[in-house]
Amino acid sequence: MNETQTDIAQKRAVRKLVETMEGFIFDLDGTLYVGDRLIPGADSAVASLRDLGKKVAFVSNKPIGTRQEYAAKLNRLGVACSADEVINSPLVLARYLQKRRPGARCFPVAEQPVITELLAHGLRLSADPREIDVVVVAFDRTFDYRKLTIAYRAALHGAELIATNPDRTCPMPGYDLPDAACMIAAIEACTGRKVEPIVGKPSDIMLREGLEIIGLEARQCAMVGDRPETDIAMAHKAGLTAVLVLTGVTSAQDLDCLPVGPDYVLSSVAEIAEACA
């Protein structure tokens, strides 16, 4: 098969993907943008899907930004988005607890975006280890010995331990920062207990909540992301079609040794815009 035939086959495959799916859930960094730079064609891809009547949502593990902030960034870069379409790990965790432990008293090892979501979902805050029902662990740049001690004592009194995301580091301009895995490790080390569940990627809890928010079933949706070990693994766990793009951490040279295989591989989301044309 020559190159032209390969291109034609790829375009047909992506067109079939667009025609078949009713919803598309996009990862952000590495998929729609890199840092503060929009990936070429990302705005057209999302706009074209909307024009076809497809539902669109956006997911992020990062628990130190609000949904409103993510929506504002996307809009600033030219991708139309409302805060209600953003599914981040604080929202998923708060919804998860609201269903399982309504009104639970939580101690947040977390920053304000997590706290805001907990309160918005009817959960309460407490720093008294004897009355804490759930210790919520997230990326927390205010983490200190006081918080560790309260979490430890709450665990001794039987509090549940739950976390937003498992990331070891958070990508930042110039250098990375220690992420939630570091706070999780400290709490697990002193309590001798596992922090679980961790609701963010690659947990299928995140996509199950996302599907409920956008009102579609797994078979009707595609997850589009750049990380096989999180985005693609999560899609497979939740039963979504898995679409890998090569604009982030994964390159064409990596395709032969991926830990989890996608259903589709795109050079970028611009291929979706081309398929919609």
C-alpha atoms as a PDB file:
ATOM      1  CA  MET A   1       0.000   0.000   0.000  1.00  0.00           C
ATOM      2  CA  ASN A   2       1.558   3.300  -1.038  1.00  0.00           C
ATOM      3  CA  GLU A   3       1.454   6.516   0.957  1.00  0.00           C
ATOM      4  CA  THR A   4      -1.569   7.946  -0.822  1.00  0.00           C
ATOM      5  CA  GLN A   5      -3.599   4.813  -0.149  1.00  0.00           C
ATOM      6  CA  THR A   6      -2.513   4.911   3.486  1.00  0.00           C
ATOM      7  CA  ASP A   7      -3.679   8.507   3.795  1.00  0.00           C
ATOM      8  CA  ILE A   8      -7.020   7.686   2.195  1.00  0.00           C
ATOM      9  CA  ALA A   9      -7.532   4.711   4.531  1.00  0.00           C
ATOM     10  CA  GLN A  10      -6.690   6.861   7.557  1.00  0.00           C
ATOM     11  CA  LYS A  11      -9.153   9.574   6.528  1.00  0.00           C
ATOM     12  CA  ARG A  12     -11.883   6.992   6.042  1.00  0.00           C
ATOM     13  CA  ALA A  13     -11.176   5.504   9.467  1.00  0.00           C
ATOM     14  CA  VAL A  14     -11.321   8.896  11.198  1.00  0.00           C
ATOM     15  CA  ARG A  15     -14.493   9.811   9.289  1.00  0.00           C
ATOM     16  CA  LYS A  16     -16.072   6.577  10.503  1.00  0.00           C
ATOM     17  CA  LEU A  17     -14.991   7.422  14.057  1.00  0.00           C
ATOM     18  CA  VAL A  18     -16.686  10.823  13.845  1.00  0.00           C
ATOM     19  CA  GLU A  19     -19.833   9.393  12.294  1.00  0.00           C
ATOM     20  CA  THR A  20     -20.115   6.569  14.842  1.00  0.00           C
ATOM     21  CA  MET A  21     -19.418   8.413  18.089  1.00  0.00           C
ATOM     22  CA  GLU A  22     -21.926  10.747  19.747  1.00  0.00           C
ATOM     23  CA  GLY A  23     -19.472  12.210  22.254  1.00  0.00           C
ATOM     24  CA  PHE A  24     -15.779  13.061  22.461  1.00  0.00           C
ATOM     25  CA  ILE A  25     -13.903  13.506  25.740  1.00  0.00           C
ATOM     26  CA  PHE A  26     -10.591  15.307  25.327  1.00  0.00           C
ATOM     27  CA  ASP A  27      -7.503  15.318  27.480  1.00  0.00           C
ATOM     28  CA  LEU A  28      -6.013  18.816  27.603  1.00  0.00           C
ATOM     29  CA  ASP A  29      -2.235  19.258  27.795  1.00  0.00           C
ATOM     30  CA  GLY A  30      -0.592  17.415  24.917  1.00  0.00           C
ATOM     31  CA  THR A  31      -3.916  16.895  23.155  1.00  0.00           C
ATOM     32  CA  LEU A  32      -5.505  20.323  22.662  1.00  0.00           C
ATOM     33  CA  TYR A  33      -2.627  22.501  23.816  1.00  0.00           C
ATOM     34  CA  VAL A  34       0.954  22.353  25.018  1.00  0.00           C
ATOM     35  CA  GLY A  35       1.520  24.819  27.827  1.00  0.00           C
ATOM     36  CA  ASP A  36      -0.002  28.066  26.545  1.00  0.00           C
ATOM     37  CA  ARG A  37       0.165  27.121  22.852  1.00  0.00           C
ATOM     38  CA  LEU A  38      -2.857  25.747  21.033  1.00  0.00           C
ATOM     39  CA  ILE A  39      -2.126  22.659  18.963  1.00  0.00           C
ATOM     40  CA  PRO A  40      -2.900  23.617  15.342  1.00  0.00           C
ATOM     41  CA  GLY A  41      -6.369  22.495  14.358  1.00  0.00           C
ATOM     42  CA  ALA A  42      -7.597  21.852  17.909  1.00  0.00           C
ATOM     43  CA  ASP A  43     -10.050  24.746  17.777  1.00  0.00           C
ATOM     44  CA  SER A  44     -11.414  23.572  14.428  1.00  0.00           C
ATOM     45  CA  ALA A  45     -11.720  19.975  15.641  1.00  0.00           C
ATOM     46  CA  VAL A  46     -13.865  20.893  18.633  1.00  0.00           C
ATOM     47  CA  ALA A  47     -15.932  23.424  16.665  1.00  0.00           C
ATOM     48  CA  SER A  48     -16.556  20.929  13.860  1.00  0.00           C
ATOM     49  CA  LEU A  49     -17.750  18.262  16.281  1.00  0.00           C
ATOM     50  CA  ARG A  50     -20.134  20.750  17.876  1.00  0.00           C
ATOM     51  CA  ASP A  51     -21.453  21.720  14.434  1.00  0.00           C
ATOM     52  CA  LEU A  52     -22.275  18.043  13.844  1.00  0.00           C
ATOM     53  CA  GLY A  53     -24.234  17.918  17.104  1.00  0.00           C
ATOM     54  CA  LYS A  54     -21.638  15.871  18.994  1.00  0.00           C
ATOM     55  CA  LYS A  55     -21.244  16.277  22.746  1.00  0.00           C
ATOM     56  CA  VAL A  56     -17.819  17.421  23.905  1.00  0.00           C
ATOM     57  CA  ALA A  57     -16.129  17.364  27.308  1.00  0.00           C
ATOM     58  CA  PHE A  58     -12.632  17.959  28.652  1.00  0.00           C
ATOM     59  CA  VAL A  59     -10.769  16.043  31.383  1.00  0.00           C
ATOM     60  CA  SER A  60      -7.818  16.873  33.612  1.00  0.00           C
ATOM     61  CA  ASN A  61      -6.180  15.220  36.594  1.00  0.00           C
ATOM     62  CA  LYS A  62      -4.726  18.453  37.945  1.00  0.00           C
ATOM     63  CA  PRO A  63      -6.474  19.345  41.254  1.00  0.00           C
ATOM     64  CA  ILE A  64      -4.973  22.815  41.735  1.00  0.00           C
ATOM     65  CA  GLY A  65      -7.058  24.511  39.056  1.00  0.00           C
ATOM     66  CA  THR A  66     -10.795  25.134  38.985  1.00  0.00           C
ATOM     67  CA  ARG A  67     -13.083  24.096  36.161  1.00  0.00           C
ATOM     68  CA  GLN A  68     -13.728  27.768  35.510  1.00  0.00           C
ATOM     69  CA  GLU A  69      -9.986  28.355  35.065  1.00  0.00           C
ATOM     70  CA  TYR A  70      -9.667  25.494  32.576  1.00  0.00           C
ATOM     71  CA  ALA A  71     -12.673  26.754  30.621  1.00  0.00           C
ATOM     72  CA  ALA A  72     -11.226  30.265  30.584  1.00  0.00           C
ATOM     73  CA  LYS A  73      -7.912  28.986  29.230  1.00  0.00           C
ATOM     74  CA  LEU A  74      -9.591  26.976  26.480  1.00  0.00           C
ATOM     75  CA  ASN A  75     -11.717  29.950  25.461  1.00  0.00           C
ATOM     76  CA  ARG A  76      -8.642  32.208  25.481  1.00  0.00           C
ATOM     77  CA  LEU A  77      -6.908  29.770  23.119  1.00  0.00           C
ATOM     78  CA  GLY A  78      -9.918  29.689  20.808  1.00  0.00           C
ATOM     79  CA  VAL A  79     -11.640  26.482  21.930  1.00  0.00           C
ATOM     80  CA  ALA A  80     -15.226  27.218  22.954  1.00  0.00           C
ATOM     81  CA  CYS A  81     -15.897  25.661  26.361  1.00  0.00           C
ATOM     82  CA  SER A  82     -18.127  26.109  29.394  1.00  0.00           C
ATOM     83  CA  ALA A  83     -17.071  25.191  32.922  1.00  0.00           C
ATOM     84  CA  ASP A  84     -19.812  22.546  32.979  1.00  0.00           C
ATOM     85  CA  GLU A  85     -17.972  20.677  30.216  1.00  0.00           C
ATOM     86  CA  VAL A  86     -14.756  20.376  32.258  1.00  0.00           C
ATOM     87  CA  ILE A  87     -14.325  17.170  34.244  1.00  0.00           C
ATOM     88  CA  ASN A  88     -11.400  17.456  36.660  1.00  0.00           C
ATOM     89  CA  SER A  89     -10.330  15.246  39.539  1.00  0.00           C
ATOM     90  CA  PRO A  90     -11.752  17.516  42.314  1.00  0.00           C
ATOM     91  CA  LEU A  91     -15.193  17.360  40.686  1.00  0.00           C
ATOM     92  CA  VAL A  92     -15.018  13.589  40.232  1.00  0.00           C
ATOM     93  CA  LEU A  93     -13.927  13.033  43.822  1.00  0.00           C
ATOM     94  CA  ALA A  94     -16.664  15.291  45.218  1.00  0.00           C
ATOM     95  CA  ARG A  95     -19.353  13.584  43.119  1.00  0.00           C
ATOM     96  CA  TYR A  96     -18.045  10.160  44.127  1.00  0.00           C
ATOM     97  CA  LEU A  97     -18.224  11.029  47.832  1.00  0.00           C
ATOM     98  CA  GLN A  98     -21.585  12.769  47.486  1.00  0.00           C
ATOM     99  CA  LYS A  99     -23.090   9.516  46.237  1.00  0.00           C
ATOM    100  CA  ARG A 100     -21.329   7.156  48.656  1.00  0.00           C
ATOM    101  CA  ARG A 101     -20.934   9.323  51.773  1.00  0.00           C
ATOM    102  CA  PRO A 102     -23.435  12.207  51.546  1.00  0.00           C
ATOM    103  CA  GLY A 103     -22.699  14.893  54.130  1.00  0.00           C
ATOM    104  CA  ALA A 104     -19.419  13.210  55.159  1.00  0.00           C
ATOM    105  CA  ARG A 105     -16.945  15.194  57.244  1.00  0.00           C
ATOM    106  CA  CYS A 106     -13.777  15.561  55.205  1.00  0.00           C
ATOM    107  CA  PHE A 107     -10.257  16.636  56.028  1.00  0.00           C
ATOM    108  CA  PRO A 108      -8.662  18.001  52.847  1.00  0.00           C
ATOM    109  CA  VAL A 109      -4.957  17.538  52.285  1.00  0.00           C
ATOM    110  CA  ALA A 110      -5.625  19.733  49.296  1.00  0.00           C
ATOM    111  CA  GLU A 111      -5.839  23.235  47.925  1.00  0.00           C
ATOM    112  CA  GLN A 112      -8.862  25.483  47.451  1.00  0.00           C
ATOM    113  CA  PRO A 113     -10.252  23.992  44.193  1.00  0.00           C
ATOM    114  CA  VAL A 114     -10.767  20.660  45.964  1.00  0.00           C
ATOM    115  CA  ILE A 115     -12.260  22.310  49.035  1.00  0.00           C
ATOM    116  CA  THR A 116     -14.643  24.340  46.870  1.00  0.00           C
ATOM    117  CA  GLU A 117     -15.946  21.209  45.118  1.00  0.00           C
ATOM    118  CA  LEU A 118     -16.392  19.319  48.401  1.00  0.00           C
ATOM    119  CA  LEU A 119     -18.502  22.121  49.868  1.00  0.00           C
ATOM    120  CA  ALA A 120     -20.469  22.570  46.631  1.00  0.00           C
ATOM    121  CA  HIS A 121     -21.475  18.899  46.805  1.00  0.00           C
ATOM    122  CA  GLY A 122     -22.798  19.049  50.371  1.00  0.00           C
ATOM    123  CA  LEU A 123     -19.742  17.610  52.092  1.00  0.00           C
ATOM    124  CA  ARG A 124     -18.445  19.117  55.308  1.00  0.00           C
ATOM    125  CA  LEU A 125     -14.969  19.995  56.575  1.00  0.00           C
ATOM    126  CA  SER A 126     -13.363  18.980  59.842  1.00  0.00           C
ATOM    127  CA  ALA A 127      -9.886  18.967  61.343  1.00  0.00           C
ATOM    128  CA  ASP A 128     -10.889  16.875  64.381  1.00  0.00           C
ATOM    129  CA  PRO A 129      -9.401  13.377  63.880  1.00  0.00           C
ATOM    130  CA  ARG A 130     -12.149  11.850  66.031  1.00  0.00           C
ATOM    131  CA  GLU A 131     -14.953  13.042  63.757  1.00  0.00           C
ATOM    132  CA  ILE A 132     -13.337  12.965  60.294  1.00  0.00           C
ATOM    133  CA  ASP A 133     -15.051  10.469  57.987  1.00  0.00           C
ATOM    134  CA  VAL A 134     -12.799  10.892  54.951  1.00  0.00           C
ATOM    135  CA  VAL A 135      -9.266  12.168  54.436  1.00  0.00           C
ATOM    136  CA  VAL A 136      -9.100  13.665  50.939  1.00  0.00           C
ATOM    137  CA  VAL A 137      -5.585  13.692  49.474  1.00  0.00           C
ATOM    138  CA  ALA A 138      -4.532  15.809  46.492  1.00  0.00           C
ATOM    139  CA  PHE A 139      -1.646  17.811  45.054  1.00  0.00           C
ATOM    140  CA  ASP A 140      -1.156  20.216  47.959  1.00  0.00           C
ATOM    141  CA  ARG A 141       1.529  22.905  47.944  1.00  0.00           C
ATOM    142  CA  THR A 142       0.543  23.768  51.537  1.00  0.00           C
ATOM    143  CA  PHE A 143       1.184  20.200  52.777  1.00  0.00           C
ATOM    144  CA  ASP A 144       2.933  20.221  56.164  1.00  0.00           C
ATOM    145  CA  TYR A 145       3.477  18.180  59.319  1.00  0.00           C
ATOM    146  CA  ARG A 146       0.241  19.437  60.873  1.00  0.00           C
ATOM    147  CA  LYS A 147      -1.811  18.080  57.981  1.00  0.00           C
ATOM    148  CA  LEU A 148       0.089  14.802  58.009  1.00  0.00           C
ATOM    149  CA  THR A 149      -0.538  14.381  61.731  1.00  0.00           C
ATOM    150  CA  ILE A 150      -4.281  15.075  61.428  1.00  0.00           C
ATOM    151  CA  ALA A 151      -4.560  12.638  58.514  1.00  0.00           C
ATOM    152  CA  TYR A 152      -2.648   9.994  60.459  1.00  0.00           C
ATOM    153  CA  ARG A 153      -4.784  10.375  63.574  1.00  0.00           C
ATOM    154  CA  ALA A 154      -8.001  10.384  61.521  1.00  0.00           C
ATOM    155  CA  ALA A 155      -6.911   7.113  59.904  1.00  0.00           C
ATOM    156  CA  LEU A 156      -6.342   5.612  63.345  1.00  0.00           C
ATOM    157  CA  HIS A 157      -9.950   6.506  64.129  1.00  0.00           C
ATOM    158  CA  GLY A 158     -11.118   4.703  60.979  1.00  0.00           C
ATOM    159  CA  ALA A 159     -11.393   7.523  58.440  1.00  0.00           C
ATOM    160  CA  GLU A 160     -11.540   6.531  54.771  1.00  0.00           C
ATOM    161  CA  LEU A 161      -8.546   7.599  52.672  1.00  0.00           C
ATOM    162  CA  ILE A 162      -9.251   8.786  49.108  1.00  0.00           C
ATOM    163  CA  ALA A 163      -7.247  10.769  46.548  1.00  0.00           C
ATOM    164  CA  THR A 164      -7.806  12.884  43.471  1.00  0.00           C
ATOM    165  CA  ASN A 165      -4.955  11.713  41.222  1.00  0.00           C
ATOM    166  CA  PRO A 166      -1.898   9.419  41.247  1.00  0.00           C
ATOM    167  CA  ASP A 167       0.571  11.685  39.407  1.00  0.00           C
ATOM    168  CA  ARG A 168       4.122  11.780  40.768  1.00  0.00           C
ATOM    169  CA  THR A 169       4.932  15.176  39.277  1.00  0.00           C
ATOM    170  CA  CYS A 170       3.030  18.051  37.712  1.00  0.00           C
ATOM    171  CA  PRO A 171       4.522  19.473  34.483  1.00  0.00           C
ATOM    172  CA  MET A 172       5.356  23.157  34.832  1.00  0.00           C
ATOM    173  CA  PRO A 173       7.301  25.602  32.658  1.00  0.00           C
ATOM    174  CA  GLY A 174      11.000  25.017  33.268  1.00  0.00           C
ATOM    175  CA  TYR A 175      10.630  22.206  35.806  1.00  0.00           C
ATOM    176  CA  ASP A 176       8.094  19.831  37.320  1.00  0.00           C
ATOM    177  CA  LEU A 177       6.580  19.996  40.807  1.00  0.00           C
ATOM    178  CA  PRO A 178       5.928  17.101  43.226  1.00  0.00           C
ATOM    179  CA  ASP A 179       2.303  16.078  42.740  1.00  0.00           C
ATOM    180  CA  ALA A 180      -0.339  14.154  44.711  1.00  0.00           C
ATOM    181  CA  ALA A 181       1.584  10.859  44.726  1.00  0.00           C
ATOM    182  CA  CYS A 182       4.016  12.447  47.180  1.00  0.00           C
ATOM    183  CA  MET A 183       1.273  13.362  49.668  1.00  0.00           C
ATOM    184  CA  ILE A 184      -0.284   9.916  49.180  1.00  0.00           C
ATOM    185  CA  ALA A 185       3.057   8.225  49.889  1.00  0.00           C
ATOM    186  CA  ALA A 186       3.571  10.183  53.113  1.00  0.00           C
ATOM    187  CA  ILE A 187       0.107   9.288  54.424  1.00  0.00           C
ATOM    188  CA  GLU A 188       0.429   5.633  53.423  1.00  0.00           C
ATOM    189  CA  ALA A 189       3.856   5.455  55.076  1.00  0.00           C
ATOM    190  CA  CYS A 190       2.652   6.561  58.506  1.00  0.00           C
ATOM    191  CA  THR A 191      -0.790   4.910  58.479  1.00  0.00           C
ATOM    192  CA  GLY A 192       0.230   1.597  56.940  1.00  0.00           C
ATOM    193  CA  ARG A 193      -2.907   1.807  54.789  1.00  0.00           C
ATOM    194  CA  LYS A 194      -3.512   2.263  51.090  1.00  0.00           C
ATOM    195  CA  VAL A 195      -5.108   5.489  49.903  1.00  0.00           C
ATOM    196  CA  GLU A 196      -7.881   4.180  47.692  1.00  0.00           C
ATOM    197  CA  PRO A 197      -9.659   4.735  45.515  1.00  0.00           C
ATOM    198  CA  ILE A 198      -7.700   7.306  43.530  1.00  0.00           C
ATOM    199  CA  VAL A 199     -10.428   8.695  41.311  1.00  0.00           C
ATOM    200  CA  GLY A 200      -8.401  10.469  38.599  1.00  0.00           C
ATOM    201  CA  LYS A 201      -6.799   9.033  35.474  1.00  0.00           C
ATOM    202  CA  PRO A 202      -6.245   6.157  34.831  1.00  0.00           C
ATOM    203  CA  SER A 203      -9.188   5.185  37.079  1.00  0.00           C
ATOM    204  CA  ASP A 204     -12.387   4.505  35.167  1.00  0.00           C
ATOM    205  CA  ILE A 205     -14.223   6.367  37.941  1.00  0.00           C
ATOM    206  CA  MET A 206     -13.296   9.595  36.155  1.00  0.00           C
ATOM    207  CA  LEU A 207     -14.830   8.543  32.853  1.00  0.00           C
ATOM    208  CA  ARG A 208     -17.910   7.009  34.469  1.00  0.00           C
ATOM    209  CA  GLU A 209     -18.612  10.359  36.105  1.00  0.00           C
ATOM    210  CA  GLY A 210     -17.870  12.104  32.835  1.00  0.00           C
ATOM    211  CA  LEU A 211     -20.349   9.940  30.950  1.00  0.00           C
ATOM    212  CA  GLU A 212     -23.012  10.674  33.529  1.00  0.00           C
ATOM    213  CA  ILE A 213     -22.355  14.397  33.243  1.00  0.00           C
ATOM    214  CA  ILE A 214     -22.672  14.461  29.448  1.00  0.00           C
ATOM    215  CA  GLY A 215     -25.515  11.950  29.406  1.00  0.00           C
ATOM    216  CA  LEU A 216     -24.063   9.278  27.122  1.00  0.00           C
ATOM    217  CA  GLU A 217     -23.119   5.622  27.379  1.00  0.00           C
ATOM    218  CA  ALA A 218     -19.540   4.363  27.038  1.00  0.00           C
ATOM    219  CA  ARG A 219     -20.178   2.772  23.643  1.00  0.00           C
ATOM    220  CA  GLN A 220     -21.243   6.178  22.290  1.00  0.00           C
ATOM    221  CA  CYS A 221     -18.044   8.013  23.276  1.00  0.00           C
ATOM    222  CA  ALA A 222     -14.383   8.315  22.377  1.00  0.00           C
ATOM    223  CA  MET A 223     -11.604   9.346  24.743  1.00  0.00           C
ATOM    224  CA  VAL A 224      -8.886  11.370  23.008  1.00  0.00           C
ATOM    225  CA  GLY A 225      -5.521  11.730  24.736  1.00  0.00           C
ATOM    226  CA  ASP A 226      -1.748  11.567  24.387  1.00  0.00           C
ATOM    227  CA  ARG A 227      -0.798   9.208  27.248  1.00  0.00           C
ATOM    228  CA  PRO A 228      -1.276   5.446  26.732  1.00  0.00           C
ATOM    229  CA  GLU A 229      -0.802   4.629  30.428  1.00  0.00           C
ATOM    230  CA  THR A 230      -3.535   7.035  31.556  1.00  0.00           C
ATOM    231  CA  ASP A 231      -5.834   8.267  28.777  1.00  0.00           C
ATOM    232  CA  ILE A 232      -5.879   5.070  26.734  1.00  0.00           C
ATOM    233  CA  ALA A 233      -5.863   2.696  29.724  1.00  0.00           C
ATOM    234  CA  MET A 234      -8.744   4.623  31.293  1.00  0.00           C
ATOM    235  CA  ALA A 235     -10.759   4.509  28.061  1.00  0.00           C
ATOM    236  CA  HIS A 236     -10.371   0.733  27.850  1.00  0.00           C
ATOM    237  CA  LYS A 237     -11.360   0.275  31.511  1.00  0.00           C
ATOM    238  CA  ALA A 238     -14.512   2.337  31.056  1.00  0.00           C
ATOM    239  CA  GLY A 239     -15.454   0.848  27.677  1.00  0.00           C
ATOM    240  CA  LEU A 240     -14.867   3.926  25.513  1.00  0.00           C
ATOM    241  CA  THR A 241     -13.199   4.008  22.120  1.00  0.00           C
ATOM    242  CA  ALA A 242      -9.554   4.965  22.737  1.00  0.00           C
ATOM    243  CA  VAL A 243      -7.940   7.558  20.456  1.00  0.00           C
ATOM    244  CA  LEU A 244      -4.232   8.332  20.811  1.00  0.00           C
ATOM    245  CA  VAL A 245      -2.737  11.561  19.432  1.00  0.00           C
ATOM    246  CA  LEU A 246       0.964  12.066  18.767  1.00  0.00           C
ATOM    247  CA  THR A 247       1.211  15.718  19.828  1.00  0.00           C
ATOM    248  CA  GLY A 248       2.114  15.086  23.463  1.00  0.00           C
ATOM    249  CA  VAL A 249       4.297  12.556  25.252  1.00  0.00           C
ATOM    250  CA  THR A 250       3.844   9.775  22.673  1.00  0.00           C
ATOM    251  CA  SER A 251       5.629   9.803  19.315  1.00  0.00           C
ATOM    252  CA  ALA A 252       5.300   7.632  16.220  1.00  0.00           C
ATOM    253  CA  GLN A 253       8.488   5.833  17.301  1.00  0.00           C
ATOM    254  CA  ASP A 254       6.752   4.689  20.495  1.00  0.00           C
ATOM    255  CA  LEU A 255       3.872   2.915  18.763  1.00  0.00           C
ATOM    256  CA  ASP A 256       5.537  -0.503  18.580  1.00  0.00           C
ATOM    257  CA  CYS A 257       6.062  -0.701  22.345  1.00  0.00           C
ATOM    258  CA  LEU A 258       2.977   0.898  23.877  1.00  0.00           C
ATOM    259  CA  PRO A 259       1.852  -0.545  27.236  1.00  0.00           C
ATOM    260  CA  VAL A 260      -1.790  -0.170  26.132  1.00  0.00           C
ATOM    261  CA  GLY A 261      -2.913  -0.155  22.505  1.00  0.00           C
ATOM    262  CA  PRO A 262      -5.396   2.458  21.232  1.00  0.00           C
ATOM    263  CA  ASP A 263      -8.254   1.854  18.822  1.00  0.00           C
ATOM    264  CA  TYR A 264      -7.144   4.793  16.673  1.00  0.00           C
ATOM    265  CA  VAL A 265      -3.883   6.714  16.279  1.00  0.00           C
ATOM    266  CA  LEU A 266      -3.994  10.302  14.986  1.00  0.00           C
ATOM    267  CA  SER A 267      -1.095  12.587  14.193  1.00  0.00           C
ATOM    268  CA  SER A 268      -3.146  15.284  15.945  1.00  0.00           C
ATOM    269  CA  VAL A 269      -6.733  16.296  16.623  1.00  0.00           C
ATOM    270  CA  ALA A 270      -6.552  18.261  13.366  1.00  0.00           C
ATOM    271  CA  GLU A 271      -7.409  14.956  11.654  1.00  0.00           C
ATOM    272  CA  ILE A 272     -10.808  15.119  13.335  1.00  0.00           C
ATOM    273  CA  ALA A 273     -11.444  18.552  11.844  1.00  0.00           C
ATOM    274  CA  GLU A 274     -10.464  17.247   8.404  1.00  0.00           C
ATOM    275  CA  ALA A 275     -12.828  14.273   8.794  1.00  0.00           C
ATOM    276  CA  CYS A 276     -15.700  16.601   9.684  1.00  0.00           C
ATOM    277  CA  ALA A 277     -15.199  18.758   6.605  1.00  0.00           C
END
